[in-house]
Amino acid sequence: MKYTERIRTLREDNDKTQAEIAKLLKVGQRTYCDYELGKTRIPVDSLIVLAKLYNVNMDYICGLSDIRIPFPHM
């Protein structure tokens, strides 16, 4: 699964709107929509914010693994 599909699925599974996530990431809703559509690459720091929000590790949110491991809190 691509990270674009993964961030959309995680958002929908958590009953969040694109506008809510865009506000959290401090970007416009259109920009966040472009992240999900793959038109614009999402910055790594934004992926980290989403991984923390959804409590998943970076491999999962980036689509490198299908194993959902909690975000490592140090």
PDB file of N, CA and C in Angstrom:
ATOM      1  N   MET A   1       0.847  -1.175   0.000  1.00  0.00           N
ATOM      2  CA  MET A   1       0.000   0.000   0.000  1.00  0.00           C
ATOM      3  C   MET A   1       0.895   1.242   0.000  1.00  0.00           C
ATOM      4  N   LYS A   2       0.571   2.211  -0.831  1.00  0.00           N
ATOM      5  CA  LYS A   2       1.313   3.456  -0.885  1.00  0.00           C
ATOM      6  C   LYS A   2       0.995   4.314   0.337  1.00  0.00           C
ATOM      7  N   TYR A   3       1.940   5.206   0.674  1.00  0.00           N
ATOM      8  CA  TYR A   3       1.694   6.078   1.827  1.00  0.00           C
ATOM      9  C   TYR A   3       0.476   6.971   1.598  1.00  0.00           C
ATOM     10  N   THR A   4       0.190   7.312   0.343  1.00  0.00           N
ATOM     11  CA  THR A   4      -0.974   8.153   0.068  1.00  0.00           C
ATOM     12  C   THR A   4      -2.273   7.435   0.463  1.00  0.00           C
ATOM     13  N   GLU A   5      -2.336   6.158   0.141  1.00  0.00           N
ATOM     14  CA  GLU A   5      -3.503   5.359   0.531  1.00  0.00           C
ATOM     15  C   GLU A   5      -3.536   5.159   2.042  1.00  0.00           C
ATOM     16  N   ARG A   6      -2.361   4.967   2.609  1.00  0.00           N
ATOM     17  CA  ARG A   6      -2.281   4.705   4.050  1.00  0.00           C
ATOM     18  C   ARG A   6      -2.752   5.913   4.857  1.00  0.00           C
ATOM     19  N   ILE A   7      -2.319   7.133   4.484  1.00  0.00           N
ATOM     20  CA  ILE A   7      -2.728   8.300   5.276  1.00  0.00           C
ATOM     21  C   ILE A   7      -4.220   8.573   5.115  1.00  0.00           C
ATOM     22  N   ARG A   8      -4.773   8.280   3.952  1.00  0.00           N
ATOM     23  CA  ARG A   8      -6.212   8.447   3.757  1.00  0.00           C
ATOM     24  C   ARG A   8      -6.983   7.429   4.606  1.00  0.00           C
ATOM     25  N   THR A   9      -6.552   6.179   4.550  1.00  0.00           N
ATOM     26  CA  THR A   9      -7.230   5.126   5.314  1.00  0.00           C
ATOM     27  C   THR A   9      -7.162   5.402   6.811  1.00  0.00           C
ATOM     28  N   LEU A  10      -5.994   5.788   7.297  1.00  0.00           N
ATOM     29  CA  LEU A  10      -5.855   6.106   8.729  1.00  0.00           C
ATOM     30  C   LEU A  10      -6.763   7.265   9.120  1.00  0.00           C
ATOM     31  N   ARG A  11      -6.819   8.282   8.276  1.00  0.00           N
ATOM     32  CA  ARG A  11      -7.688   9.436   8.570  1.00  0.00           C
ATOM     33  C   ARG A  11      -9.147   9.001   8.642  1.00  0.00           C
ATOM     34  N   GLU A  12      -9.587   8.243   7.659  1.00  0.00           N
ATOM     35  CA  GLU A  12     -10.976   7.790   7.632  1.00  0.00           C
ATOM     36  C   GLU A  12     -11.288   6.855   8.796  1.00  0.00           C
ATOM     37  N   ASP A  13     -10.360   5.958   9.125  1.00  0.00           N
ATOM     38  CA  ASP A  13     -10.567   5.033  10.244  1.00  0.00           C
ATOM     39  C   ASP A  13     -10.685   5.762  11.578  1.00  0.00           C
ATOM     40  N   ASN A  14     -10.105   6.956  11.652  1.00  0.00           N
ATOM     41  CA  ASN A  14     -10.144   7.751  12.885  1.00  0.00           C
ATOM     42  C   ASN A  14     -11.199   8.862  12.824  1.00  0.00           C
ATOM     43  N   ASP A  15     -12.087   8.765  11.835  1.00  0.00           N
ATOM     44  CA  ASP A  15     -13.198   9.724  11.684  1.00  0.00           C
ATOM     45  C   ASP A  15     -12.729  11.177  11.689  1.00  0.00           C
ATOM     46  N   LYS A  16     -11.643  11.435  10.971  1.00  0.00           N
ATOM     47  CA  LYS A  16     -11.102  12.792  10.845  1.00  0.00           C
ATOM     48  C   LYS A  16     -11.384  13.306   9.440  1.00  0.00           C
ATOM     49  N   THR A  17     -11.565  14.599   9.316  1.00  0.00           N
ATOM     50  CA  THR A  17     -11.740  15.200   8.002  1.00  0.00           C
ATOM     51  C   THR A  17     -10.391  15.690   7.482  1.00  0.00           C
ATOM     52  N   GLN A  18     -10.336  15.920   6.196  1.00  0.00           N
ATOM     53  CA  GLN A  18      -9.117  16.488   5.628  1.00  0.00           C
ATOM     54  C   GLN A  18      -8.831  17.848   6.247  1.00  0.00           C
ATOM     55  N   ALA A  19      -9.859  18.624   6.499  1.00  0.00           N
ATOM     56  CA  ALA A  19      -9.684  19.950   7.095  1.00  0.00           C
ATOM     57  C   ALA A  19      -9.073  19.858   8.495  1.00  0.00           C
ATOM     58  N   GLU A  20      -9.500  18.878   9.285  1.00  0.00           N
ATOM     59  CA  GLU A  20      -8.948  18.708  10.634  1.00  0.00           C
ATOM     60  C   GLU A  20      -7.460  18.360  10.578  1.00  0.00           C
ATOM     61  N   ILE A  21      -7.109  17.449   9.684  1.00  0.00           N
ATOM     62  CA  ILE A  21      -5.707  17.036   9.572  1.00  0.00           C
ATOM     63  C   ILE A  21      -4.872  18.169   8.996  1.00  0.00           C
ATOM     64  N   ALA A  22      -5.406  18.885   8.028  1.00  0.00           N
ATOM     65  CA  ALA A  22      -4.690  20.025   7.450  1.00  0.00           C
ATOM     66  C   ALA A  22      -4.374  21.062   8.529  1.00  0.00           C
ATOM     67  N   LYS A  23      -5.340  21.337   9.383  1.00  0.00           N
ATOM     68  CA  LYS A  23      -5.131  22.300  10.472  1.00  0.00           C
ATOM     69  C   LYS A  23      -4.027  21.826  11.404  1.00  0.00           C
ATOM     70  N   LEU A  24      -4.036  20.556  11.740  1.00  0.00           N
ATOM     71  CA  LEU A  24      -3.005  19.973  12.601  1.00  0.00           C
ATOM     72  C   LEU A  24      -1.615  20.118  11.972  1.00  0.00           C
ATOM     73  N   LEU A  25      -1.544  19.921  10.661  1.00  0.00           N
ATOM     74  CA  LEU A  25      -0.266  19.995   9.945  1.00  0.00           C
ATOM     75  C   LEU A  25       0.094  21.423   9.533  1.00  0.00           C
ATOM     76  N   LYS A  26      -0.824  22.360   9.806  1.00  0.00           N
ATOM     77  CA  LYS A  26      -0.614  23.776   9.473  1.00  0.00           C
ATOM     78  C   LYS A  26      -0.456  23.995   7.963  1.00  0.00           C
ATOM     79  N   VAL A  27      -1.325  23.316   7.215  1.00  0.00           N
ATOM     80  CA  VAL A  27      -1.388  23.496   5.760  1.00  0.00           C
ATOM     81  C   VAL A  27      -2.851  23.686   5.389  1.00  0.00           C
ATOM     82  N   GLY A  28      -3.098  24.112   4.169  1.00  0.00           N
ATOM     83  CA  GLY A  28      -4.469  24.242   3.696  1.00  0.00           C
ATOM     84  C   GLY A  28      -5.090  22.882   3.403  1.00  0.00           C
ATOM     85  N   GLN A  29      -6.411  22.845   3.396  1.00  0.00           N
ATOM     86  CA  GLN A  29      -7.116  21.591   3.118  1.00  0.00           C
ATOM     87  C   GLN A  29      -6.778  21.096   1.723  1.00  0.00           C
ATOM     88  N   ARG A  30      -6.641  21.994   0.759  1.00  0.00           N
ATOM     89  CA  ARG A  30      -6.295  21.603  -0.610  1.00  0.00           C
ATOM     90  C   ARG A  30      -4.916  20.944  -0.654  1.00  0.00           C
ATOM     91  N   THR A  31      -3.975  21.477   0.108  1.00  0.00           N
ATOM     92  CA  THR A  31      -2.630  20.894   0.164  1.00  0.00           C
ATOM     93  C   THR A  31      -2.695  19.493   0.734  1.00  0.00           C
ATOM     94  N   TYR A  32      -3.464  19.333   1.822  1.00  0.00           N
ATOM     95  CA  TYR A  32      -3.581  17.992   2.408  1.00  0.00           C
ATOM     96  C   TYR A  32      -4.252  17.033   1.426  1.00  0.00           C
ATOM     97  N   CYS A  33      -5.259  17.505   0.732  1.00  0.00           N
ATOM     98  CA  CYS A  33      -5.919  16.674  -0.284  1.00  0.00           C
ATOM     99  C   CYS A  33      -4.897  16.228  -1.328  1.00  0.00           C
ATOM    100  N   ASP A  34      -4.022  17.146  -1.737  1.00  0.00           N
ATOM    101  CA  ASP A  34      -2.975  16.806  -2.711  1.00  0.00           C
ATOM    102  C   ASP A  34      -2.006  15.760  -2.150  1.00  0.00           C
ATOM    103  N   TYR A  35      -1.768  15.783  -0.840  1.00  0.00           N
ATOM    104  CA  TYR A  35      -0.936  14.734  -0.223  1.00  0.00           C
ATOM    105  C   TYR A  35      -1.592  13.372  -0.423  1.00  0.00           C
ATOM    106  N   GLU A  36      -2.892  13.299  -0.127  1.00  0.00           N
ATOM    107  CA  GLU A  36      -3.605  12.028  -0.244  1.00  0.00           C
ATOM    108  C   GLU A  36      -3.708  11.557  -1.692  1.00  0.00           C
ATOM    109  N   LEU A  37      -3.791  12.487  -2.613  1.00  0.00           N
ATOM    110  CA  LEU A  37      -3.893  12.133  -4.025  1.00  0.00           C
ATOM    111  C   LEU A  37      -2.531  11.846  -4.656  1.00  0.00           C
ATOM    112  N   GLY A  38      -1.469  12.143  -3.937  1.00  0.00           N
ATOM    113  CA  GLY A  38      -0.131  11.919  -4.464  1.00  0.00           C
ATOM    114  C   GLY A  38       0.330  13.012  -5.419  1.00  0.00           C
ATOM    115  N   LYS A  39      -0.377  14.127  -5.453  1.00  0.00           N
ATOM    116  CA  LYS A  39       0.019  15.242  -6.320  1.00  0.00           C
ATOM    117  C   LYS A  39       1.171  16.037  -5.719  1.00  0.00           C
ATOM    118  N   THR A  40       1.248  16.028  -4.402  1.00  0.00           N
ATOM    119  CA  THR A  40       2.303  16.716  -3.669  1.00  0.00           C
ATOM    120  C   THR A  40       2.864  15.747  -2.644  1.00  0.00           C
ATOM    121  N   ARG A  41       4.177  15.691  -2.539  1.00  0.00           N
ATOM    122  CA  ARG A  41       4.778  14.812  -1.534  1.00  0.00           C
ATOM    123  C   ARG A  41       4.622  15.420  -0.147  1.00  0.00           C
ATOM    124  N   ILE A  42       4.260  14.573   0.784  1.00  0.00           N
ATOM    125  CA  ILE A  42       4.090  15.032   2.155  1.00  0.00           C
ATOM    126  C   ILE A  42       5.470  15.115   2.822  1.00  0.00           C
ATOM    127  N   PRO A  43       5.766  16.215   3.501  1.00  0.00           N
ATOM    128  CA  PRO A  43       7.061  16.332   4.174  1.00  0.00           C
ATOM    129  C   PRO A  43       7.217  15.293   5.287  1.00  0.00           C
ATOM    130  N   VAL A  44       8.446  14.887   5.528  1.00  0.00           N
ATOM    131  CA  VAL A  44       8.729  13.878   6.548  1.00  0.00           C
ATOM    132  C   VAL A  44       8.236  14.329   7.912  1.00  0.00           C
ATOM    133  N   ASP A  45       8.416  15.609   8.248  1.00  0.00           N
ATOM    134  CA  ASP A  45       7.972  16.070   9.564  1.00  0.00           C
ATOM    135  C   ASP A  45       6.456  15.947   9.712  1.00  0.00           C
ATOM    136  N   SER A  46       5.719  16.083   8.622  1.00  0.00           N
ATOM    137  CA  SER A  46       4.271  15.894   8.671  1.00  0.00           C
ATOM    138  C   SER A  46       3.915  14.418   8.832  1.00  0.00           C
ATOM    139  N   LEU A  47       4.671  13.534   8.198  1.00  0.00           N
ATOM    140  CA  LEU A  47       4.452  12.093   8.386  1.00  0.00           C
ATOM    141  C   LEU A  47       4.684  11.702   9.838  1.00  0.00           C
ATOM    142  N   ILE A  48       5.668  12.304  10.472  1.00  0.00           N
ATOM    143  CA  ILE A  48       5.945  12.021  11.887  1.00  0.00           C
ATOM    144  C   ILE A  48       4.769  12.469  12.752  1.00  0.00           C
ATOM    145  N   VAL A  49       4.234  13.656  12.471  1.00  0.00           N
ATOM    146  CA  VAL A  49       3.068  14.147  13.215  1.00  0.00           C
ATOM    147  C   VAL A  49       1.901  13.167  13.066  1.00  0.00           C
ATOM    148  N   LEU A  50       1.667  12.701  11.846  1.00  0.00           N
ATOM    149  CA  LEU A  50       0.565  11.756  11.619  1.00  0.00           C
ATOM    150  C   LEU A  50       0.818  10.413  12.288  1.00  0.00           C
ATOM    151  N   ALA A  51       2.045   9.947  12.258  1.00  0.00           N
ATOM    152  CA  ALA A  51       2.381   8.679  12.921  1.00  0.00           C
ATOM    153  C   ALA A  51       2.106   8.772  14.420  1.00  0.00           C
ATOM    154  N   LYS A  52       2.465   9.907  15.008  1.00  0.00           N
ATOM    155  CA  LYS A  52       2.181  10.111  16.440  1.00  0.00           C
ATOM    156  C   LYS A  52       0.679  10.170  16.690  1.00  0.00           C
ATOM    157  N   LEU A  53      -0.025  10.919  15.844  1.00  0.00           N
ATOM    158  CA  LEU A  53      -1.478  11.061  16.001  1.00  0.00           C
ATOM    159  C   LEU A  53      -2.170   9.707  15.947  1.00  0.00           C
ATOM    160  N   TYR A  54      -1.817   8.897  14.961  1.00  0.00           N
ATOM    161  CA  TYR A  54      -2.477   7.611  14.765  1.00  0.00           C
ATOM    162  C   TYR A  54      -1.815   6.474  15.549  1.00  0.00           C
ATOM    163  N   ASN A  55      -0.727   6.794  16.245  1.00  0.00           N
ATOM    164  CA  ASN A  55       0.022   5.830  17.054  1.00  0.00           C
ATOM    165  C   ASN A  55       0.448   4.607  16.239  1.00  0.00           C
ATOM    166  N   VAL A  56       1.112   4.905  15.103  1.00  0.00           N
ATOM    167  CA  VAL A  56       1.683   3.855  14.257  1.00  0.00           C
ATOM    168  C   VAL A  56       3.130   4.213  13.954  1.00  0.00           C
ATOM    169  N   ASN A  57       3.947   3.210  13.681  1.00  0.00           N
ATOM    170  CA  ASN A  57       5.352   3.499  13.378  1.00  0.00           C
ATOM    171  C   ASN A  57       5.496   4.016  11.957  1.00  0.00           C
ATOM    172  N   MET A  58       6.668   4.552  11.659  1.00  0.00           N
ATOM    173  CA  MET A  58       6.912   5.163  10.356  1.00  0.00           C
ATOM    174  C   MET A  58       6.855   4.149   9.206  1.00  0.00           C
ATOM    175  N   ASP A  59       7.301   2.925   9.436  1.00  0.00           N
ATOM    176  CA  ASP A  59       7.228   1.910   8.381  1.00  0.00           C
ATOM    177  C   ASP A  59       5.780   1.675   7.959  1.00  0.00           C
ATOM    178  N   TYR A  60       4.890   1.662   8.933  1.00  0.00           N
ATOM    179  CA  TYR A  60       3.476   1.431   8.626  1.00  0.00           C
ATOM    180  C   TYR A  60       2.882   2.612   7.869  1.00  0.00           C
ATOM    181  N   ILE A  61       3.087   3.819   8.383  1.00  0.00           N
ATOM    182  CA  ILE A  61       2.458   4.977   7.748  1.00  0.00           C
ATOM    183  C   ILE A  61       3.029   5.231   6.352  1.00  0.00           C
ATOM    184  N   CYS A  62       4.280   4.863   6.146  1.00  0.00           N
ATOM    185  CA  CYS A  62       4.903   5.049   4.825  1.00  0.00           C
ATOM    186  C   CYS A  62       4.551   3.923   3.853  1.00  0.00           C
ATOM    187  N   GLY A  63       3.870   2.889   4.336  1.00  0.00           N
ATOM    188  CA  GLY A  63       3.462   1.789   3.470  1.00  0.00           C
ATOM    189  C   GLY A  63       4.543   0.743   3.267  1.00  0.00           C
ATOM    190  N   LEU A  64       5.596   0.778   4.090  1.00  0.00           N
ATOM    191  CA  LEU A  64       6.676  -0.201   3.975  1.00  0.00           C
ATOM    192  C   LEU A  64       6.362  -1.505   4.689  1.00  0.00           C
ATOM    193  N   SER A  65       5.387  -1.460   5.597  1.00  0.00           N
ATOM    194  CA  SER A  65       5.001  -2.640   6.360  1.00  0.00           C
ATOM    195  C   SER A  65       3.490  -2.619   6.559  1.00  0.00           C
ATOM    196  N   ASP A  66       2.910  -3.795   6.625  1.00  0.00           N
ATOM    197  CA  ASP A  66       1.483  -3.901   6.934  1.00  0.00           C
ATOM    198  C   ASP A  66       1.257  -4.235   8.401  1.00  0.00           C
ATOM    199  N   ILE A  67       2.338  -4.300   9.159  1.00  0.00           N
ATOM    200  CA  ILE A  67       2.248  -4.594  10.594  1.00  0.00           C
ATOM    201  C   ILE A  67       2.136  -3.278  11.341  1.00  0.00           C
ATOM    202  N   ARG A  68       1.060  -3.146  12.070  1.00  0.00           N
ATOM    203  CA  ARG A  68       0.769  -1.900  12.784  1.00  0.00           C
ATOM    204  C   ARG A  68       1.414  -1.941  14.171  1.00  0.00           C
ATOM    205  N   ILE A  69       2.572  -1.299  14.276  1.00  0.00           N
ATOM    206  CA  ILE A  69       3.310  -1.232  15.536  1.00  0.00           C
ATOM    207  C   ILE A  69       3.133   0.176  16.088  1.00  0.00           C
ATOM    208  N   PRO A  70       2.910   0.323  17.398  1.00  0.00           N
ATOM    209  CA  PRO A  70       2.745   1.659  17.975  1.00  0.00           C
ATOM    210  C   PRO A  70       3.964   2.546  17.751  1.00  0.00           C
ATOM    211  N   PHE A  71       3.714   3.861  17.675  1.00  0.00           N
ATOM    212  CA  PHE A  71       4.793   4.814  17.502  1.00  0.00           C
ATOM    213  C   PHE A  71       5.716   4.733  18.722  1.00  0.00           C
ATOM    214  N   PRO A  72       7.021   4.693  18.487  1.00  0.00           N
ATOM    215  CA  PRO A  72       7.947   4.577  19.620  1.00  0.00           C
ATOM    216  C   PRO A  72       8.074   5.910  20.370  1.00  0.00           C
ATOM    217  N   HIS A  73       7.569   5.955  21.581  1.00  0.00           N
ATOM    218  CA  HIS A  73       7.678   7.140  22.426  1.00  0.00           C
ATOM    219  C   HIS A  73       8.889   6.992  23.331  1.00  0.00           C
ATOM    220  N   MET A  74       9.721   8.000  23.323  1.00  0.00           N
ATOM    221  CA  MET A  74      10.939   7.924  24.142  1.00  0.00           C
ATOM    222  C   MET A  74      10.852   8.855  25.312  1.00  0.00           C
TER     223      MET A  74
END
